[in-house]
Amino acid sequence: MTVTPQDASTVILLRDNPDKPALGFEVLMVRRSSKSSFVPSAYVFPGGRVEKNDSLPRMERYCRPEDTNRAISHLENTPSANAALGILVAAIRETFEEAGLLLAYQDGGKPLSFSDEKMESRLRQYRDALNKGTVKFSQILEEGKFTLALDCLHYFSHWITPELSPMRYDARFFVATVPAGQKALPDGEEVTGHVWITPAQALEKYRSRKFYMVAPTVVTLEELSAFKTIQEVIDSTKTKNVKSVLTRLVFAENDVQEHTPDGRIFVNFVPVD
């Protein structure tokens, strides 16, 4: 029986290289726990499934109307406005849960920053409580008087997990610039490590079998490696016609392969630490 894919969101966070600008921008990659039920030990971009609370009508109160309308109009084949909004909310929530980065505004439009140690400590406590299930994301936004920065999410791609997979996701990928003054911090549960790395460097680690990555991640990095600046990446999304991509699994004699519609083959392997 084929499993119906769940809606999911992924955020490709970019930053300018702070030490060697000539190498180009870097992307945040997190490593999934070896105990994870979905692609264990793989290097991925922060993200996860859309939860019921993400799509509730009340979430609109934490978004600017113009950003909500613009973003919803860009997501194809969503059954309702609330469902589309939930995909965007999940993108920001999952990034906060897994990487400790919150794409939001405060004080009437000021980007949220950790420059204030009290604010950083407060956000870390919020994130821990959210992951423990003792607080809801909407409560954090209400108490902090935060507005979700939907305008920072730029629709990049749409991937659907292969039909033979026991767990399947219908995942929208967004690119975003990392919030100034915020630092990534893996949750230690779903993701156990992180690295800022250029797309070219990540691809080299994949080819040398030091990074285990699935096809959507590899293809995304290849596409990113063609750009010189973050602005070029963002500008490319303005005219991009995003279409869903369904890969398929092929069980070969000695390995499991993931095939893309254009005929490319990616082999799953045990990463070399």
C-alpha atoms as a PDB file:
ATOM      1  CA  MET A   1       0.000   0.000   0.000  1.00  0.00           C
ATOM      2  CA  THR A   2       1.340   3.419  -0.978  1.00  0.00           C
ATOM      3  CA  VAL A   3       1.625   5.875   1.907  1.00  0.00           C
ATOM      4  CA  THR A   4      -0.002   9.288   1.345  1.00  0.00           C
ATOM      5  CA  PRO A   5       2.655  12.002   1.675  1.00  0.00           C
ATOM      6  CA  GLN A   6       2.269  14.566   4.464  1.00  0.00           C
ATOM      7  CA  ASP A   7       2.740  18.274   3.801  1.00  0.00           C
ATOM      8  CA  ALA A   8       6.167  19.456   4.930  1.00  0.00           C
ATOM      9  CA  SER A   9       8.387  22.528   4.760  1.00  0.00           C
ATOM     10  CA  THR A  10      12.130  22.947   4.417  1.00  0.00           C
ATOM     11  CA  VAL A  11      14.190  26.126   4.770  1.00  0.00           C
ATOM     12  CA  ILE A  12      17.511  26.604   3.000  1.00  0.00           C
ATOM     13  CA  LEU A  13      19.268  29.201   5.166  1.00  0.00           C
ATOM     14  CA  LEU A  14      22.052  31.213   3.540  1.00  0.00           C
ATOM     15  CA  ARG A  15      24.686  33.586   4.876  1.00  0.00           C
ATOM     16  CA  ASP A  16      27.722  35.400   3.512  1.00  0.00           C
ATOM     17  CA  ASN A  17      30.974  33.676   4.423  1.00  0.00           C
ATOM     18  CA  PRO A  18      32.253  35.645   7.454  1.00  0.00           C
ATOM     19  CA  ASP A  19      35.888  34.530   7.107  1.00  0.00           C
ATOM     20  CA  LYS A  20      36.471  34.031   3.380  1.00  0.00           C
ATOM     21  CA  PRO A  21      34.000  36.126   1.350  1.00  0.00           C
ATOM     22  CA  ALA A  22      35.747  35.128  -1.880  1.00  0.00           C
ATOM     23  CA  LEU A  23      34.488  31.567  -1.433  1.00  0.00           C
ATOM     24  CA  GLY A  24      30.911  32.746  -1.776  1.00  0.00           C
ATOM     25  CA  PHE A  25      27.882  32.270   0.454  1.00  0.00           C
ATOM     26  CA  GLU A  26      27.334  29.395   2.852  1.00  0.00           C
ATOM     27  CA  VAL A  27      24.310  27.219   3.541  1.00  0.00           C
ATOM     28  CA  LEU A  28      23.246  25.811   6.905  1.00  0.00           C
ATOM     29  CA  MET A  29      23.150  22.026   6.998  1.00  0.00           C
ATOM     30  CA  VAL A  30      22.011  20.010   9.986  1.00  0.00           C
ATOM     31  CA  ARG A  31      22.677  16.342  10.608  1.00  0.00           C
ATOM     32  CA  ARG A  32      19.705  14.192  11.504  1.00  0.00           C
ATOM     33  CA  SER A  33      20.023  11.898  14.502  1.00  0.00           C
ATOM     34  CA  SER A  34      21.196   8.351  13.801  1.00  0.00           C
ATOM     35  CA  LYS A  35      18.041   7.266  15.664  1.00  0.00           C
ATOM     36  CA  SER A  36      15.718   9.186  13.364  1.00  0.00           C
ATOM     37  CA  SER A  37      12.982   7.216  11.631  1.00  0.00           C
ATOM     38  CA  PHE A  38      13.436   9.298   8.464  1.00  0.00           C
ATOM     39  CA  VAL A  39      16.820   9.501   6.665  1.00  0.00           C
ATOM     40  CA  PRO A  40      18.904   8.893   9.826  1.00  0.00           C
ATOM     41  CA  SER A  41      22.391  10.456   9.879  1.00  0.00           C
ATOM     42  CA  ALA A  42      21.660  12.433   6.707  1.00  0.00           C
ATOM     43  CA  TYR A  43      22.734  16.046   6.234  1.00  0.00           C
ATOM     44  CA  VAL A  44      19.648  18.083   5.398  1.00  0.00           C
ATOM     45  CA  PHE A  45      18.239  21.592   5.585  1.00  0.00           C
ATOM     46  CA  PRO A  46      16.060  22.378   8.631  1.00  0.00           C
ATOM     47  CA  GLY A  47      12.443  21.355   8.185  1.00  0.00           C
ATOM     48  CA  GLY A  48       9.668  18.926   8.961  1.00  0.00           C
ATOM     49  CA  ARG A  49       5.996  18.113   8.564  1.00  0.00           C
ATOM     50  CA  VAL A  50       3.173  20.609   8.772  1.00  0.00           C
ATOM     51  CA  GLU A  51       1.210  20.207  11.999  1.00  0.00           C
ATOM     52  CA  LYS A  52      -2.506  20.819  12.503  1.00  0.00           C
ATOM     53  CA  ASN A  53      -1.911  23.929  14.603  1.00  0.00           C
ATOM     54  CA  ASP A  54       0.153  25.502  11.799  1.00  0.00           C
ATOM     55  CA  SER A  55      -2.945  25.714   9.591  1.00  0.00           C
ATOM     56  CA  LEU A  56      -5.434  27.089  12.105  1.00  0.00           C
ATOM     57  CA  PRO A  57      -7.109  30.370  11.042  1.00  0.00           C
ATOM     58  CA  ARG A  58      -5.811  32.130  14.165  1.00  0.00           C
ATOM     59  CA  MET A  59      -2.225  31.890  12.846  1.00  0.00           C
ATOM     60  CA  GLU A  60      -3.080  34.746  10.485  1.00  0.00           C
ATOM     61  CA  ARG A  61      -2.935  37.140  13.429  1.00  0.00           C
ATOM     62  CA  TYR A  62       0.832  36.541  13.657  1.00  0.00           C
ATOM     63  CA  CYS A  63       1.433  37.389   9.996  1.00  0.00           C
ATOM     64  CA  ARG A  64       1.218  40.609   8.004  1.00  0.00           C
ATOM     65  CA  PRO A  65      -1.805  40.449   5.641  1.00  0.00           C
ATOM     66  CA  GLU A  66       0.185  41.485   2.577  1.00  0.00           C
ATOM     67  CA  ASP A  67       2.806  38.794   3.217  1.00  0.00           C
ATOM     68  CA  THR A  68       0.187  36.123   3.800  1.00  0.00           C
ATOM     69  CA  ASN A  69      -1.632  36.915   0.549  1.00  0.00           C
ATOM     70  CA  ARG A  70       1.566  37.103  -1.486  1.00  0.00           C
ATOM     71  CA  ALA A  71       2.946  33.848  -0.134  1.00  0.00           C
ATOM     72  CA  ILE A  72      -0.316  31.918  -0.536  1.00  0.00           C
ATOM     73  CA  SER A  73      -0.586  32.989  -4.183  1.00  0.00           C
ATOM     74  CA  HIS A  74       2.819  31.423  -4.880  1.00  0.00           C
ATOM     75  CA  LEU A  75       2.043  27.930  -3.587  1.00  0.00           C
ATOM     76  CA  GLU A  76       0.464  25.760  -6.242  1.00  0.00           C
ATOM     77  CA  ASN A  77      -2.079  22.987  -5.664  1.00  0.00           C
ATOM     78  CA  THR A  78      -2.904  23.762  -2.029  1.00  0.00           C
ATOM     79  CA  PRO A  79      -6.501  22.894  -1.055  1.00  0.00           C
ATOM     80  CA  SER A  80      -7.159  26.081   0.919  1.00  0.00           C
ATOM     81  CA  ALA A  81      -5.679  29.364   2.078  1.00  0.00           C
ATOM     82  CA  ASN A  82      -5.249  27.954   5.580  1.00  0.00           C
ATOM     83  CA  ALA A  83      -3.380  24.939   4.218  1.00  0.00           C
ATOM     84  CA  ALA A  84      -1.028  27.186   2.260  1.00  0.00           C
ATOM     85  CA  LEU A  85      -0.446  29.400   5.280  1.00  0.00           C
ATOM     86  CA  GLY A  86       0.273  26.316   7.373  1.00  0.00           C
ATOM     87  CA  ILE A  87       3.125  25.355   5.042  1.00  0.00           C
ATOM     88  CA  LEU A  88       4.721  28.756   5.588  1.00  0.00           C
ATOM     89  CA  VAL A  89       4.162  28.734   9.341  1.00  0.00           C
ATOM     90  CA  ALA A  90       5.665  25.241   9.551  1.00  0.00           C
ATOM     91  CA  ALA A  91       8.748  26.414   7.672  1.00  0.00           C
ATOM     92  CA  ILE A  92       9.458  29.028  10.332  1.00  0.00           C
ATOM     93  CA  ARG A  93       8.425  26.838  13.269  1.00  0.00           C
ATOM     94  CA  GLU A  94      10.560  23.879  12.182  1.00  0.00           C
ATOM     95  CA  THR A  95      13.568  26.120  11.622  1.00  0.00           C
ATOM     96  CA  PHE A  96      13.143  27.398  15.160  1.00  0.00           C
ATOM     97  CA  GLU A  97      12.672  23.920  16.639  1.00  0.00           C
ATOM     98  CA  GLU A  98      15.604  22.285  14.883  1.00  0.00           C
ATOM     99  CA  ALA A  99      18.122  25.089  14.410  1.00  0.00           C
ATOM    100  CA  GLY A 100      17.112  27.636  17.048  1.00  0.00           C
ATOM    101  CA  LEU A 101      16.660  30.404  14.452  1.00  0.00           C
ATOM    102  CA  LEU A 102      13.423  32.401  14.437  1.00  0.00           C
ATOM    103  CA  LEU A 103      12.414  34.315  11.298  1.00  0.00           C
ATOM    104  CA  ALA A 104      10.258  36.972  12.912  1.00  0.00           C
ATOM    105  CA  TYR A 105       9.797  40.667  13.595  1.00  0.00           C
ATOM    106  CA  GLN A 106       9.339  42.463  16.876  1.00  0.00           C
ATOM    107  CA  ASP A 107       8.644  46.020  18.016  1.00  0.00           C
ATOM    108  CA  GLY A 108       6.629  47.006  14.992  1.00  0.00           C
ATOM    109  CA  GLY A 109       8.822  45.541  12.273  1.00  0.00           C
ATOM    110  CA  LYS A 110      12.337  45.235  13.680  1.00  0.00           C
ATOM    111  CA  PRO A 111      14.009  41.911  12.726  1.00  0.00           C
ATOM    112  CA  LEU A 112      14.406  39.643  15.730  1.00  0.00           C
ATOM    113  CA  SER A 113      18.019  39.548  16.911  1.00  0.00           C
ATOM    114  CA  PHE A 114      19.968  37.841  19.683  1.00  0.00           C
ATOM    115  CA  SER A 115      22.128  40.922  20.264  1.00  0.00           C
ATOM    116  CA  ASP A 116      20.393  41.247  23.621  1.00  0.00           C
ATOM    117  CA  GLU A 117      21.565  38.345  25.825  1.00  0.00           C
ATOM    118  CA  LYS A 118      18.248  38.347  27.662  1.00  0.00           C
ATOM    119  CA  MET A 119      16.405  37.937  24.377  1.00  0.00           C
ATOM    120  CA  GLU A 120      18.680  35.078  23.311  1.00  0.00           C
ATOM    121  CA  SER A 121      18.177  33.314  26.647  1.00  0.00           C
ATOM    122  CA  ARG A 122      14.428  33.842  26.381  1.00  0.00           C
ATOM    123  CA  LEU A 123      14.303  32.375  22.864  1.00  0.00           C
ATOM    124  CA  ARG A 124      16.380  29.364  23.902  1.00  0.00           C
ATOM    125  CA  GLN A 125      13.948  28.689  26.739  1.00  0.00           C
ATOM    126  CA  TYR A 126      11.020  29.050  24.347  1.00  0.00           C
ATOM    127  CA  ARG A 127      12.599  26.608  21.918  1.00  0.00           C
ATOM    128  CA  ASP A 128      13.259  24.011  24.630  1.00  0.00           C
ATOM    129  CA  ALA A 129       9.679  24.287  25.896  1.00  0.00           C
ATOM    130  CA  LEU A 130       8.329  23.995  22.354  1.00  0.00           C
ATOM    131  CA  ASN A 131      10.320  20.825  21.696  1.00  0.00           C
ATOM    132  CA  LYS A 132       9.173  19.355  25.001  1.00  0.00           C
ATOM    133  CA  GLY A 133       5.575  20.074  24.106  1.00  0.00           C
ATOM    134  CA  THR A 134       4.923  22.292  27.131  1.00  0.00           C
ATOM    135  CA  VAL A 135       4.120  25.361  25.022  1.00  0.00           C
ATOM    136  CA  LYS A 136       2.580  25.954  21.599  1.00  0.00           C
ATOM    137  CA  PHE A 137       4.232  27.977  18.859  1.00  0.00           C
ATOM    138  CA  SER A 138       1.296  30.394  18.847  1.00  0.00           C
ATOM    139  CA  GLN A 139       1.822  31.025  22.570  1.00  0.00           C
ATOM    140  CA  ILE A 140       5.443  31.976  21.946  1.00  0.00           C
ATOM    141  CA  LEU A 141       4.415  34.394  19.211  1.00  0.00           C
ATOM    142  CA  GLU A 142       1.694  35.871  21.441  1.00  0.00           C
ATOM    143  CA  GLU A 143       3.883  36.311  24.508  1.00  0.00           C
ATOM    144  CA  GLY A 144       6.818  37.680  22.532  1.00  0.00           C
ATOM    145  CA  LYS A 145       4.592  39.891  20.365  1.00  0.00           C
ATOM    146  CA  PHE A 146       6.373  38.448  17.336  1.00  0.00           C
ATOM    147  CA  THR A 147       5.205  38.656  13.730  1.00  0.00           C
ATOM    148  CA  LEU A 148       6.299  35.866  11.403  1.00  0.00           C
ATOM    149  CA  ALA A 149       8.653  37.055   8.648  1.00  0.00           C
ATOM    150  CA  LEU A 150       6.874  35.372   5.742  1.00  0.00           C
ATOM    151  CA  ASP A 151       8.443  37.861   3.338  1.00  0.00           C
ATOM    152  CA  CYS A 152      11.839  36.292   4.111  1.00  0.00           C
ATOM    153  CA  LEU A 153      10.749  32.941   2.654  1.00  0.00           C
ATOM    154  CA  HIS A 154      11.329  32.588  -1.089  1.00  0.00           C
ATOM    155  CA  TYR A 155       9.775  29.542  -2.777  1.00  0.00           C
ATOM    156  CA  PHE A 156      12.563  27.486  -4.348  1.00  0.00           C
ATOM    157  CA  SER A 157      11.438  23.910  -5.091  1.00  0.00           C
ATOM    158  CA  HIS A 158       8.882  21.175  -4.402  1.00  0.00           C
ATOM    159  CA  TRP A 159       9.888  17.557  -3.719  1.00  0.00           C
ATOM    160  CA  ILE A 160       7.764  14.480  -3.041  1.00  0.00           C
ATOM    161  CA  THR A 161       9.186  11.418  -1.272  1.00  0.00           C
ATOM    162  CA  PRO A 162       9.261   8.197  -3.400  1.00  0.00           C
ATOM    163  CA  GLU A 163       6.158   5.993  -3.359  1.00  0.00           C
ATOM    164  CA  LEU A 164       8.012   2.997  -1.921  1.00  0.00           C
ATOM    165  CA  SER A 165       9.150   4.943   1.156  1.00  0.00           C
ATOM    166  CA  PRO A 166       7.471   3.962   4.461  1.00  0.00           C
ATOM    167  CA  MET A 167       7.402   7.666   5.415  1.00  0.00           C
ATOM    168  CA  ARG A 168       6.502  10.187   2.749  1.00  0.00           C
ATOM    169  CA  TYR A 169       6.491  13.982   2.564  1.00  0.00           C
ATOM    170  CA  ASP A 170       5.195  16.543   0.110  1.00  0.00           C
ATOM    171  CA  ALA A 171       7.868  19.123   0.883  1.00  0.00           C
ATOM    172  CA  ARG A 172       8.118  22.753  -0.194  1.00  0.00           C
ATOM    173  CA  PHE A 173      11.638  24.194  -0.099  1.00  0.00           C
ATOM    174  CA  PHE A 174      12.221  27.880   0.665  1.00  0.00           C
ATOM    175  CA  VAL A 175      15.414  29.940   0.666  1.00  0.00           C
ATOM    176  CA  ALA A 176      16.009  32.591   3.314  1.00  0.00           C
ATOM    177  CA  THR A 177      18.866  34.704   4.596  1.00  0.00           C
ATOM    178  CA  VAL A 178      19.849  33.832   8.149  1.00  0.00           C
ATOM    179  CA  PRO A 179      18.562  36.500  10.575  1.00  0.00           C
ATOM    180  CA  ALA A 180      21.288  38.982  11.502  1.00  0.00           C
ATOM    181  CA  GLY A 181      22.489  38.576  15.057  1.00  0.00           C
ATOM    182  CA  GLN A 182      21.096  35.055  15.482  1.00  0.00           C
ATOM    183  CA  LYS A 183      23.172  31.910  15.941  1.00  0.00           C
ATOM    184  CA  ALA A 184      22.213  28.384  14.921  1.00  0.00           C
ATOM    185  CA  LEU A 185      21.927  25.830  17.712  1.00  0.00           C
ATOM    186  CA  PRO A 186      20.769  22.258  16.929  1.00  0.00           C
ATOM    187  CA  ASP A 187      18.115  20.852  19.244  1.00  0.00           C
ATOM    188  CA  GLY A 188      20.244  17.783  20.104  1.00  0.00           C
ATOM    189  CA  GLU A 189      17.337  15.429  19.495  1.00  0.00           C
ATOM    190  CA  GLU A 190      16.069  15.511  15.907  1.00  0.00           C
ATOM    191  CA  VAL A 191      19.317  17.045  14.689  1.00  0.00           C
ATOM    192  CA  THR A 192      22.580  16.431  16.484  1.00  0.00           C
ATOM    193  CA  GLY A 193      24.970  18.753  14.681  1.00  0.00           C
ATOM    194  CA  HIS A 194      25.239  21.545  12.152  1.00  0.00           C
ATOM    195  CA  VAL A 195      27.704  23.138   9.788  1.00  0.00           C
ATOM    196  CA  TRP A 196      27.862  26.281   7.687  1.00  0.00           C
ATOM    197  CA  ILE A 197      29.359  25.240   4.369  1.00  0.00           C
ATOM    198  CA  THR A 198      29.462  26.396   0.755  1.00  0.00           C
ATOM    199  CA  PRO A 199      27.359  24.371  -1.683  1.00  0.00           C
ATOM    200  CA  ALA A 200      30.503  23.298  -3.543  1.00  0.00           C
ATOM    201  CA  GLN A 201      32.167  22.071  -0.341  1.00  0.00           C
ATOM    202  CA  ALA A 202      29.064  20.126   0.681  1.00  0.00           C
ATOM    203  CA  LEU A 203      28.904  18.456  -2.726  1.00  0.00           C
ATOM    204  CA  GLU A 204      32.559  17.471  -2.490  1.00  0.00           C
ATOM    205  CA  LYS A 205      31.921  15.865   0.903  1.00  0.00           C
ATOM    206  CA  TYR A 206      28.978  14.009  -0.579  1.00  0.00           C
ATOM    207  CA  ARG A 207      31.064  12.686  -3.471  1.00  0.00           C
ATOM    208  CA  SER A 208      33.770  11.530  -1.049  1.00  0.00           C
ATOM    209  CA  ARG A 209      31.057   9.842   1.055  1.00  0.00           C
ATOM    210  CA  LYS A 210      31.643  12.025   4.102  1.00  0.00           C
ATOM    211  CA  PHE A 211      28.178  13.564   3.855  1.00  0.00           C
ATOM    212  CA  TYR A 212      25.155  11.294   3.418  1.00  0.00           C
ATOM    213  CA  MET A 213      22.493  13.271   1.564  1.00  0.00           C
ATOM    214  CA  VAL A 214      19.332  12.325  -0.299  1.00  0.00           C
ATOM    215  CA  ALA A 215      18.581  13.366  -3.874  1.00  0.00           C
ATOM    216  CA  PRO A 216      16.574  16.574  -3.174  1.00  0.00           C
ATOM    217  CA  THR A 217      19.396  17.927  -1.003  1.00  0.00           C
ATOM    218  CA  VAL A 218      22.088  17.136  -3.553  1.00  0.00           C
ATOM    219  CA  VAL A 219      20.129  18.606  -6.456  1.00  0.00           C
ATOM    220  CA  THR A 220      19.392  21.746  -4.413  1.00  0.00           C
ATOM    221  CA  LEU A 221      23.074  22.220  -3.608  1.00  0.00           C
ATOM    222  CA  GLU A 222      23.980  21.776  -7.260  1.00  0.00           C
ATOM    223  CA  GLU A 223      21.506  24.472  -8.198  1.00  0.00           C
ATOM    224  CA  LEU A 224      22.776  26.795  -5.472  1.00  0.00           C
ATOM    225  CA  SER A 225      26.388  26.313  -6.573  1.00  0.00           C
ATOM    226  CA  ALA A 226      25.595  28.092  -9.847  1.00  0.00           C
ATOM    227  CA  PHE A 227      24.952  31.383  -8.026  1.00  0.00           C
ATOM    228  CA  LYS A 228      27.622  33.791  -6.815  1.00  0.00           C
ATOM    229  CA  THR A 229      25.578  35.746  -4.284  1.00  0.00           C
ATOM    230  CA  ILE A 230      22.601  35.288  -1.998  1.00  0.00           C
ATOM    231  CA  GLN A 231      20.760  38.042  -3.830  1.00  0.00           C
ATOM    232  CA  GLU A 232      21.132  36.128  -7.084  1.00  0.00           C
ATOM    233  CA  VAL A 233      19.502  33.105  -5.425  1.00  0.00           C
ATOM    234  CA  ILE A 234      16.592  35.185  -4.137  1.00  0.00           C
ATOM    235  CA  ASP A 235      16.149  36.992  -7.453  1.00  0.00           C
ATOM    236  CA  SER A 236      15.961  33.645  -9.258  1.00  0.00           C
ATOM    237  CA  THR A 237      12.833  32.721  -7.292  1.00  0.00           C
ATOM    238  CA  LYS A 238      10.892  35.734  -8.589  1.00  0.00           C
ATOM    239  CA  THR A 239      10.446  34.238 -12.039  1.00  0.00           C
ATOM    240  CA  LYS A 240      10.864  30.583 -11.179  1.00  0.00           C
ATOM    241  CA  ASN A 241       8.134  28.177 -12.233  1.00  0.00           C
ATOM    242  CA  VAL A 242       8.239  25.650  -9.401  1.00  0.00           C
ATOM    243  CA  LYS A 243       6.938  22.198 -10.273  1.00  0.00           C
ATOM    244  CA  SER A 244       6.695  19.183  -8.000  1.00  0.00           C
ATOM    245  CA  VAL A 245       9.343  16.485  -8.426  1.00  0.00           C
ATOM    246  CA  LEU A 246       8.555  12.887  -7.483  1.00  0.00           C
ATOM    247  CA  THR A 247      11.608  10.652  -7.222  1.00  0.00           C
ATOM    248  CA  ARG A 248      11.439   6.854  -7.127  1.00  0.00           C
ATOM    249  CA  LEU A 249      13.332   4.189  -5.226  1.00  0.00           C
ATOM    250  CA  VAL A 250      15.056   1.314  -6.971  1.00  0.00           C
ATOM    251  CA  PHE A 251      16.377  -1.592  -4.915  1.00  0.00           C
ATOM    252  CA  ALA A 252      19.514  -2.755  -6.694  1.00  0.00           C
ATOM    253  CA  GLU A 253      21.578  -5.805  -5.773  1.00  0.00           C
ATOM    254  CA  ASN A 254      23.856  -4.088  -3.273  1.00  0.00           C
ATOM    255  CA  ASP A 255      22.287  -0.719  -2.625  1.00  0.00           C
ATOM    256  CA  VAL A 256      19.180   1.451  -2.623  1.00  0.00           C
ATOM    257  CA  GLN A 257      18.979   4.016  -5.398  1.00  0.00           C
ATOM    258  CA  GLU A 258      16.889   7.152  -5.712  1.00  0.00           C
ATOM    259  CA  HIS A 259      16.050   8.081  -9.305  1.00  0.00           C
ATOM    260  CA  THR A 260      14.971  11.549 -10.410  1.00  0.00           C
ATOM    261  CA  PRO A 261      12.594  12.071 -13.376  1.00  0.00           C
ATOM    262  CA  ASP A 262      15.459  13.339 -15.551  1.00  0.00           C
ATOM    263  CA  GLY A 263      17.250   9.986 -15.231  1.00  0.00           C
ATOM    264  CA  ARG A 264      19.815  10.788 -12.561  1.00  0.00           C
ATOM    265  CA  ILE A 265      20.645   8.127  -9.987  1.00  0.00           C
ATOM    266  CA  PHE A 266      21.631   8.743  -6.363  1.00  0.00           C
ATOM    267  CA  VAL A 267      22.886   5.889  -4.189  1.00  0.00           C
ATOM    268  CA  ASN A 268      22.176   5.716  -0.469  1.00  0.00           C
ATOM    269  CA  PHE A 269      25.257   4.826   1.554  1.00  0.00           C
ATOM    270  CA  VAL A 270      26.559   4.556   5.104  1.00  0.00           C
ATOM    271  CA  PRO A 271      28.379   7.841   5.871  1.00  0.00           C
ATOM    272  CA  VAL A 272      32.059   7.826   6.788  1.00  0.00           C
ATOM    273  CA  ASP A 273      32.576   9.817  10.001  1.00  0.00           C
END
